[in-house]
Amino acid sequence: MTTNTTNSPITIRLMDTIDALREQVAGMAREWRVMAEDHSQCFASKAEADAAADWLRTNDAGNVYVDSRTVGPWERVK
C-alpha cells in the first residue's frame, strides 16, 4: 500500500519553506499588500498585513483584501 503525501500539511509546509529559501537565494522577498477602496499599504509579513486588513474592515473601509507578490531587493518594504 502506498500513501499519497502530496497534500499533507507537512509536505505543504516543507514546500513553502523550500520556496521561501529559493526566494532568499535569488535575492527576492515576499511582500504582503493590503488593498482597500482608498488605502494601499505593503508589509513584510502576512501577520502585519492581516492585522491592518482587520483594522480597516472594522472601520468600514469598504472592500478590503490582502494579496502577496514577490519583489526584488530594490522594491523591498523597509
PDB file of N, CA and C in Angstrom:
ATOM      1  N   MET A   1       0.834  -1.175   0.000  1.00  0.00           N
ATOM      2  CA  MET A   1       0.000   0.000   0.000  1.00  0.00           C
ATOM      3  C   MET A   1       0.883   1.245   0.000  1.00  0.00           C
ATOM      4  N   THR A   2       0.605   2.149  -0.913  1.00  0.00           N
ATOM      5  CA  THR A   2       1.352   3.405  -0.960  1.00  0.00           C
ATOM      6  C   THR A   2       0.464   4.537  -0.451  1.00  0.00           C
ATOM      7  N   THR A   3       1.098   5.499   0.161  1.00  0.00           N
ATOM      8  CA  THR A   3       0.379   6.645   0.713  1.00  0.00           C
ATOM      9  C   THR A   3       0.739   7.880  -0.094  1.00  0.00           C
ATOM     10  N   ASN A   4      -0.261   8.606  -0.526  1.00  0.00           N
ATOM     11  CA  ASN A   4      -0.024   9.849  -1.251  1.00  0.00           C
ATOM     12  C   ASN A   4       0.136  10.976  -0.227  1.00  0.00           C
ATOM     13  N   THR A   5       1.339  11.532  -0.135  1.00  0.00           N
ATOM     14  CA  THR A   5       1.611  12.592   0.843  1.00  0.00           C
ATOM     15  C   THR A   5       1.712  13.962   0.180  1.00  0.00           C
ATOM     16  N   THR A   6       1.297  14.064  -1.069  1.00  0.00           N
ATOM     17  CA  THR A   6       1.426  15.317  -1.806  1.00  0.00           C
ATOM     18  C   THR A   6       0.718  16.475  -1.110  1.00  0.00           C
ATOM     19  N   ASN A   7      -0.455  16.235  -0.567  1.00  0.00           N
ATOM     20  CA  ASN A   7      -1.235  17.314   0.051  1.00  0.00           C
ATOM     21  C   ASN A   7      -1.226  17.282   1.574  1.00  0.00           C
ATOM     22  N   SER A   8      -0.312  16.551   2.163  1.00  0.00           N
ATOM     23  CA  SER A   8      -0.265  16.507   3.620  1.00  0.00           C
ATOM     24  C   SER A   8       0.239  17.843   4.158  1.00  0.00           C
ATOM     25  N   PRO A   9      -0.173  18.226   5.370  1.00  0.00           N
ATOM     26  CA  PRO A   9       0.283  19.500   5.948  1.00  0.00           C
ATOM     27  C   PRO A   9       1.802  19.599   6.049  1.00  0.00           C
ATOM     28  N   ILE A  10       2.449  18.510   6.351  1.00  0.00           N
ATOM     29  CA  ILE A  10       3.916  18.525   6.464  1.00  0.00           C
ATOM     30  C   ILE A  10       4.551  18.784   5.098  1.00  0.00           C
ATOM     31  N   THR A  11       4.034  18.125   4.065  1.00  0.00           N
ATOM     32  CA  THR A  11       4.574  18.324   2.717  1.00  0.00           C
ATOM     33  C   THR A  11       4.337  19.758   2.252  1.00  0.00           C
ATOM     34  N   ILE A  12       3.160  20.282   2.506  1.00  0.00           N
ATOM     35  CA  ILE A  12       2.847  21.650   2.099  1.00  0.00           C
ATOM     36  C   ILE A  12       3.755  22.640   2.819  1.00  0.00           C
ATOM     37  N   ARG A  13       3.956  22.444   4.130  1.00  0.00           N
ATOM     38  CA  ARG A  13       4.831  23.334   4.889  1.00  0.00           C
ATOM     39  C   ARG A  13       6.269  23.223   4.401  1.00  0.00           C
ATOM     40  N   LEU A  14       6.715  22.025   4.093  1.00  0.00           N
ATOM     41  CA  LEU A  14       8.064  21.826   3.570  1.00  0.00           C
ATOM     42  C   LEU A  14       8.235  22.525   2.228  1.00  0.00           C
ATOM     43  N   MET A  15       7.252  22.412   1.360  1.00  0.00           N
ATOM     44  CA  MET A  15       7.334  23.065   0.045  1.00  0.00           C
ATOM     45  C   MET A  15       7.327  24.590   0.201  1.00  0.00           C
ATOM     46  N   ASP A  16       6.542  25.116   1.146  1.00  0.00           N
ATOM     47  CA  ASP A  16       6.539  26.553   1.406  1.00  0.00           C
ATOM     48  C   ASP A  16       7.908  27.015   1.893  1.00  0.00           C
ATOM     49  N   THR A  17       8.529  26.212   2.757  1.00  0.00           N
ATOM     50  CA  THR A  17       9.866  26.544   3.254  1.00  0.00           C
ATOM     51  C   THR A  17      10.885  26.529   2.129  1.00  0.00           C
ATOM     52  N   ILE A  18      10.815  25.536   1.276  1.00  0.00           N
ATOM     53  CA  ILE A  18      11.723  25.454   0.133  1.00  0.00           C
ATOM     54  C   ILE A  18      11.535  26.660  -0.777  1.00  0.00           C
ATOM     55  N   ASP A  19      10.284  27.032  -1.039  1.00  0.00           N
ATOM     56  CA  ASP A  19      10.014  28.207  -1.877  1.00  0.00           C
ATOM     57  C   ASP A  19      10.585  29.476  -1.255  1.00  0.00           C
ATOM     58  N   ALA A  20      10.417  29.624   0.061  1.00  0.00           N
ATOM     59  CA  ALA A  20      10.945  30.799   0.752  1.00  0.00           C
ATOM     60  C   ALA A  20      12.467  30.850   0.655  1.00  0.00           C
ATOM     61  N   LEU A  21      13.118  29.709   0.817  1.00  0.00           N
ATOM     62  CA  LEU A  21      14.577  29.664   0.709  1.00  0.00           C
ATOM     63  C   LEU A  21      15.035  29.985  -0.709  1.00  0.00           C
ATOM     64  N   ARG A  22      14.319  29.487  -1.691  1.00  0.00           N
ATOM     65  CA  ARG A  22      14.665  29.806  -3.087  1.00  0.00           C
ATOM     66  C   ARG A  22      14.570  31.305  -3.349  1.00  0.00           C
ATOM     67  N   GLU A  23      13.539  31.944  -2.802  1.00  0.00           N
ATOM     68  CA  GLU A  23      13.384  33.383  -2.972  1.00  0.00           C
ATOM     69  C   GLU A  23      14.548  34.138  -2.330  1.00  0.00           C
ATOM     70  N   GLN A  24      14.953  33.717  -1.133  1.00  0.00           N
ATOM     71  CA  GLN A  24      16.060  34.379  -0.456  1.00  0.00           C
ATOM     72  C   GLN A  24      17.353  34.224  -1.244  1.00  0.00           C
ATOM     73  N   VAL A  25      17.580  33.028  -1.746  1.00  0.00           N
ATOM     74  CA  VAL A  25      18.795  32.769  -2.509  1.00  0.00           C
ATOM     75  C   VAL A  25      18.820  33.617  -3.773  1.00  0.00           C
ATOM     76  N   ALA A  26      17.687  33.790  -4.366  1.00  0.00           N
ATOM     77  CA  ALA A  26      17.599  34.567  -5.600  1.00  0.00           C
ATOM     78  C   ALA A  26      17.563  36.071  -5.339  1.00  0.00           C
ATOM     79  N   GLY A  27      17.642  36.480  -4.076  1.00  0.00           N
ATOM     80  CA  GLY A  27      17.600  37.898  -3.745  1.00  0.00           C
ATOM     81  C   GLY A  27      16.200  38.479  -3.782  1.00  0.00           C
ATOM     82  N   MET A  28      15.221  37.621  -3.716  1.00  0.00           N
ATOM     83  CA  MET A  28      13.840  38.069  -3.773  1.00  0.00           C
ATOM     84  C   MET A  28      13.210  37.974  -2.384  1.00  0.00           C
ATOM     85  N   ALA A  29      12.109  38.661  -2.199  1.00  0.00           N
ATOM     86  CA  ALA A  29      11.379  38.609  -0.924  1.00  0.00           C
ATOM     87  C   ALA A  29       9.890  38.648  -1.214  1.00  0.00           C
ATOM     88  N   ARG A  30       9.111  38.168  -0.266  1.00  0.00           N
ATOM     89  CA  ARG A  30       7.649  38.220  -0.408  1.00  0.00           C
ATOM     90  C   ARG A  30       7.149  39.461   0.320  1.00  0.00           C
ATOM     91  N   GLU A  31       6.246  40.142  -0.331  1.00  0.00           N
ATOM     92  CA  GLU A  31       5.641  41.341   0.221  1.00  0.00           C
ATOM     93  C   GLU A  31       4.131  41.122   0.270  1.00  0.00           C
ATOM     94  N   TRP A  32       3.518  41.540   1.344  1.00  0.00           N
ATOM     95  CA  TRP A  32       2.068  41.402   1.504  1.00  0.00           C
ATOM     96  C   TRP A  32       1.446  42.773   1.378  1.00  0.00           C
ATOM     97  N   ARG A  33       0.440  42.892   0.523  1.00  0.00           N
ATOM     98  CA  ARG A  33      -0.180  44.175   0.237  1.00  0.00           C
ATOM     99  C   ARG A  33      -1.635  44.156   0.700  1.00  0.00           C
ATOM    100  N   VAL A  34      -2.021  45.206   1.412  1.00  0.00           N
ATOM    101  CA  VAL A  34      -3.404  45.379   1.844  1.00  0.00           C
ATOM    102  C   VAL A  34      -4.028  46.421   0.916  1.00  0.00           C
ATOM    103  N   MET A  35      -5.134  46.038   0.319  1.00  0.00           N
ATOM    104  CA  MET A  35      -5.821  46.937  -0.610  1.00  0.00           C
ATOM    105  C   MET A  35      -7.221  47.223  -0.077  1.00  0.00           C
ATOM    106  N   ALA A  36      -7.594  48.480  -0.081  1.00  0.00           N
ATOM    107  CA  ALA A  36      -8.950  48.905   0.264  1.00  0.00           C
ATOM    108  C   ALA A  36      -9.339  49.977  -0.750  1.00  0.00           C
ATOM    109  N   GLU A  37     -10.556  50.482  -0.650  1.00  0.00           N
ATOM    110  CA  GLU A  37     -11.019  51.461  -1.631  1.00  0.00           C
ATOM    111  C   GLU A  37     -10.122  52.687  -1.695  1.00  0.00           C
ATOM    112  N   ASP A  38      -9.741  53.241  -0.557  1.00  0.00           N
ATOM    113  CA  ASP A  38      -8.909  54.442  -0.530  1.00  0.00           C
ATOM    114  C   ASP A  38      -7.578  54.209   0.183  1.00  0.00           C
ATOM    115  N   HIS A  39      -7.124  52.975   0.208  1.00  0.00           N
ATOM    116  CA  HIS A  39      -5.937  52.666   1.003  1.00  0.00           C
ATOM    117  C   HIS A  39      -5.168  51.515   0.365  1.00  0.00           C
ATOM    118  N   SER A  40      -3.866  51.653   0.311  1.00  0.00           N
ATOM    119  CA  SER A  40      -2.996  50.568  -0.121  1.00  0.00           C
ATOM    120  C   SER A  40      -1.700  50.686   0.666  1.00  0.00           C
ATOM    121  N   GLN A  41      -1.289  49.581   1.260  1.00  0.00           N
ATOM    122  CA  GLN A  41      -0.052  49.600   2.035  1.00  0.00           C
ATOM    123  C   GLN A  41       0.604  48.235   1.956  1.00  0.00           C
ATOM    124  N   CYS A  42       1.933  48.215   1.967  1.00  0.00           N
ATOM    125  CA  CYS A  42       2.684  46.970   1.875  1.00  0.00           C
ATOM    126  C   CYS A  42       3.342  46.647   3.211  1.00  0.00           C
ATOM    127  N   PHE A  43       3.433  45.339   3.483  1.00  0.00           N
ATOM    128  CA  PHE A  43       4.020  44.855   4.730  1.00  0.00           C
ATOM    129  C   PHE A  43       4.982  43.719   4.421  1.00  0.00           C
ATOM    130  N   ALA A  44       5.945  43.509   5.317  1.00  0.00           N
ATOM    131  CA  ALA A  44       6.922  42.442   5.134  1.00  0.00           C
ATOM    132  C   ALA A  44       6.410  41.093   5.615  1.00  0.00           C
ATOM    133  N   SER A  45       5.346  41.086   6.440  1.00  0.00           N
ATOM    134  CA  SER A  45       4.827  39.803   6.932  1.00  0.00           C
ATOM    135  C   SER A  45       3.323  39.722   6.733  1.00  0.00           C
ATOM    136  N   LYS A  46       2.837  38.515   6.579  1.00  0.00           N
ATOM    137  CA  LYS A  46       1.404  38.282   6.408  1.00  0.00           C
ATOM    138  C   LYS A  46       0.646  38.659   7.671  1.00  0.00           C
ATOM    139  N   ALA A  47       1.225  38.403   8.832  1.00  0.00           N
ATOM    140  CA  ALA A  47       0.560  38.735  10.100  1.00  0.00           C
ATOM    141  C   ALA A  47       0.289  40.233  10.199  1.00  0.00           C
ATOM    142  N   GLU A  48       1.273  41.053   9.815  1.00  0.00           N
ATOM    143  CA  GLU A  48       1.078  42.510   9.840  1.00  0.00           C
ATOM    144  C   GLU A  48      -0.010  42.933   8.855  1.00  0.00           C
ATOM    145  N   ALA A  49       0.015  42.345   7.670  1.00  0.00           N
ATOM    146  CA  ALA A  49      -0.981  42.679   6.653  1.00  0.00           C
ATOM    147  C   ALA A  49      -2.379  42.273   7.109  1.00  0.00           C
ATOM    148  N   ASP A  50      -2.507  41.092   7.697  1.00  0.00           N
ATOM    149  CA  ASP A  50      -3.807  40.640   8.188  1.00  0.00           C
ATOM    150  C   ASP A  50      -4.335  41.546   9.291  1.00  0.00           C
ATOM    151  N   ALA A  51      -3.452  41.992  10.179  1.00  0.00           N
ATOM    152  CA  ALA A  51      -3.864  42.886  11.262  1.00  0.00           C
ATOM    153  C   ALA A  51      -4.351  44.222  10.702  1.00  0.00           C
ATOM    154  N   ALA A  52      -3.633  44.757   9.724  1.00  0.00           N
ATOM    155  CA  ALA A  52      -4.053  46.017   9.112  1.00  0.00           C
ATOM    156  C   ALA A  52      -5.387  45.849   8.386  1.00  0.00           C
ATOM    157  N   ALA A  53      -5.551  44.737   7.681  1.00  0.00           N
ATOM    158  CA  ALA A  53      -6.809  44.476   6.972  1.00  0.00           C
ATOM    159  C   ALA A  53      -7.967  44.348   7.958  1.00  0.00           C
ATOM    160  N   ASP A  54      -7.751  43.674   9.073  1.00  0.00           N
ATOM    161  CA  ASP A  54      -8.795  43.545  10.095  1.00  0.00           C
ATOM    162  C   ASP A  54      -9.194  44.912  10.645  1.00  0.00           C
ATOM    163  N   TRP A  55      -8.188  45.753  10.891  1.00  0.00           N
ATOM    164  CA  TRP A  55      -8.471  47.093  11.399  1.00  0.00           C
ATOM    165  C   TRP A  55      -9.296  47.878  10.376  1.00  0.00           C
ATOM    166  N   LEU A  56      -8.917  47.814   9.099  1.00  0.00           N
ATOM    167  CA  LEU A  56      -9.668  48.520   8.062  1.00  0.00           C
ATOM    168  C   LEU A  56     -11.103  48.008   7.961  1.00  0.00           C
ATOM    169  N   ARG A  57     -11.262  46.702   8.066  1.00  0.00           N
ATOM    170  CA  ARG A  57     -12.611  46.118   7.988  1.00  0.00           C
ATOM    171  C   ARG A  57     -13.496  46.596   9.146  1.00  0.00           C
ATOM    172  N   THR A  58     -12.927  46.694  10.340  1.00  0.00           N
ATOM    173  CA  THR A  58     -13.729  47.131  11.492  1.00  0.00           C
ATOM    174  C   THR A  58     -14.032  48.619  11.427  1.00  0.00           C
ATOM    175  N   ASN A  59     -13.313  49.354  10.601  1.00  0.00           N
ATOM    176  CA  ASN A  59     -13.545  50.792  10.452  1.00  0.00           C
ATOM    177  C   ASN A  59     -14.228  51.116   9.123  1.00  0.00           C
ATOM    178  N   ASP A  60     -14.952  50.140   8.591  1.00  0.00           N
ATOM    179  CA  ASP A  60     -15.763  50.332   7.384  1.00  0.00           C
ATOM    180  C   ASP A  60     -14.995  50.974   6.226  1.00  0.00           C
ATOM    181  N   ALA A  61     -13.874  50.372   5.875  1.00  0.00           N
ATOM    182  CA  ALA A  61     -13.066  50.893   4.775  1.00  0.00           C
ATOM    183  C   ALA A  61     -13.527  50.353   3.425  1.00  0.00           C
ATOM    184  N   GLY A  62     -14.651  49.684   3.377  1.00  0.00           N
ATOM    185  CA  GLY A  62     -15.142  49.125   2.121  1.00  0.00           C
ATOM    186  C   GLY A  62     -14.547  47.750   1.878  1.00  0.00           C
ATOM    187  N   ASN A  63     -14.396  47.396   0.623  1.00  0.00           N
ATOM    188  CA  ASN A  63     -13.809  46.099   0.271  1.00  0.00           C
ATOM    189  C   ASN A  63     -12.319  46.109   0.604  1.00  0.00           C
ATOM    190  N   VAL A  64     -11.898  45.143   1.404  1.00  0.00           N
ATOM    191  CA  VAL A  64     -10.501  45.051   1.831  1.00  0.00           C
ATOM    192  C   VAL A  64     -10.004  43.644   1.522  1.00  0.00           C
ATOM    193  N   TYR A  65      -8.822  43.546   0.931  1.00  0.00           N
ATOM    194  CA  TYR A  65      -8.236  42.231   0.724  1.00  0.00           C
ATOM    195  C   TYR A  65      -6.725  42.296   0.851  1.00  0.00           C
ATOM    196  N   VAL A  66      -6.132  41.131   1.059  1.00  0.00           N
ATOM    197  CA  VAL A  66      -4.685  41.004   1.209  1.00  0.00           C
ATOM    198  C   VAL A  66      -4.187  40.101   0.095  1.00  0.00           C
ATOM    199  N   ASP A  67      -3.130  40.528  -0.577  1.00  0.00           N
ATOM    200  CA  ASP A  67      -2.506  39.654  -1.564  1.00  0.00           C
ATOM    201  C   ASP A  67      -1.002  39.703  -1.372  1.00  0.00           C
ATOM    202  N   SER A  68      -0.314  38.825  -2.051  1.00  0.00           N
ATOM    203  CA  SER A  68       1.141  38.797  -1.902  1.00  0.00           C
ATOM    204  C   SER A  68       1.784  38.816  -3.274  1.00  0.00           C
ATOM    205  N   ARG A  69       3.016  39.244  -3.275  1.00  0.00           N
ATOM    206  CA  ARG A  69       3.799  39.218  -4.504  1.00  0.00           C
ATOM    207  C   ARG A  69       5.267  39.073  -4.124  1.00  0.00           C
ATOM    208  N   THR A  70       6.042  38.631  -5.054  1.00  0.00           N
ATOM    209  CA  THR A  70       7.471  38.500  -4.836  1.00  0.00           C
ATOM    210  C   THR A  70       8.135  39.732  -5.421  1.00  0.00           C
ATOM    211  N   VAL A  71       9.006  40.345  -4.644  1.00  0.00           N
ATOM    212  CA  VAL A  71       9.668  41.575  -5.076  1.00  0.00           C
ATOM    213  C   VAL A  71      11.174  41.401  -5.029  1.00  0.00           C
ATOM    214  N   GLY A  72      11.862  42.187  -5.808  1.00  0.00           N
ATOM    215  CA  GLY A  72      13.322  42.172  -5.821  1.00  0.00           C
ATOM    216  C   GLY A  72      13.890  43.044  -4.720  1.00  0.00           C
ATOM    217  N   PRO A  73      15.193  42.994  -4.515  1.00  0.00           N
ATOM    218  CA  PRO A  73      15.812  43.767  -3.419  1.00  0.00           C
ATOM    219  C   PRO A  73      15.593  45.274  -3.547  1.00  0.00           C
ATOM    220  N   TRP A  74      15.414  45.771  -4.741  1.00  0.00           N
ATOM    221  CA  TRP A  74      15.207  47.195  -4.969  1.00  0.00           C
ATOM    222  C   TRP A  74      13.786  47.643  -4.613  1.00  0.00           C
ATOM    223  N   GLU A  75      12.864  46.693  -4.410  1.00  0.00           N
ATOM    224  CA  GLU A  75      11.466  47.014  -4.128  1.00  0.00           C
ATOM    225  C   GLU A  75      11.043  46.673  -2.705  1.00  0.00           C
ATOM    226  N   ARG A  76      11.910  46.134  -1.902  1.00  0.00           N
ATOM    227  CA  ARG A  76      11.510  45.594  -0.602  1.00  0.00           C
ATOM    228  C   ARG A  76      10.946  46.644   0.326  1.00  0.00           C
ATOM    229  N   VAL A  77      10.017  46.199   1.159  1.00  0.00           N
ATOM    230  CA  VAL A  77       9.451  47.071   2.189  1.00  0.00           C
ATOM    231  C   VAL A  77      10.521  47.332   3.230  1.00  0.00           C
ATOM    232  N   LYS A  78      10.654  48.552   3.649  1.00  0.00           N
ATOM    233  CA  LYS A  78      11.654  48.889   4.671  1.00  0.00           C
ATOM    234  C   LYS A  78      11.014  48.918   6.031  1.00  0.00           C
TER     235      LYS A  78
END
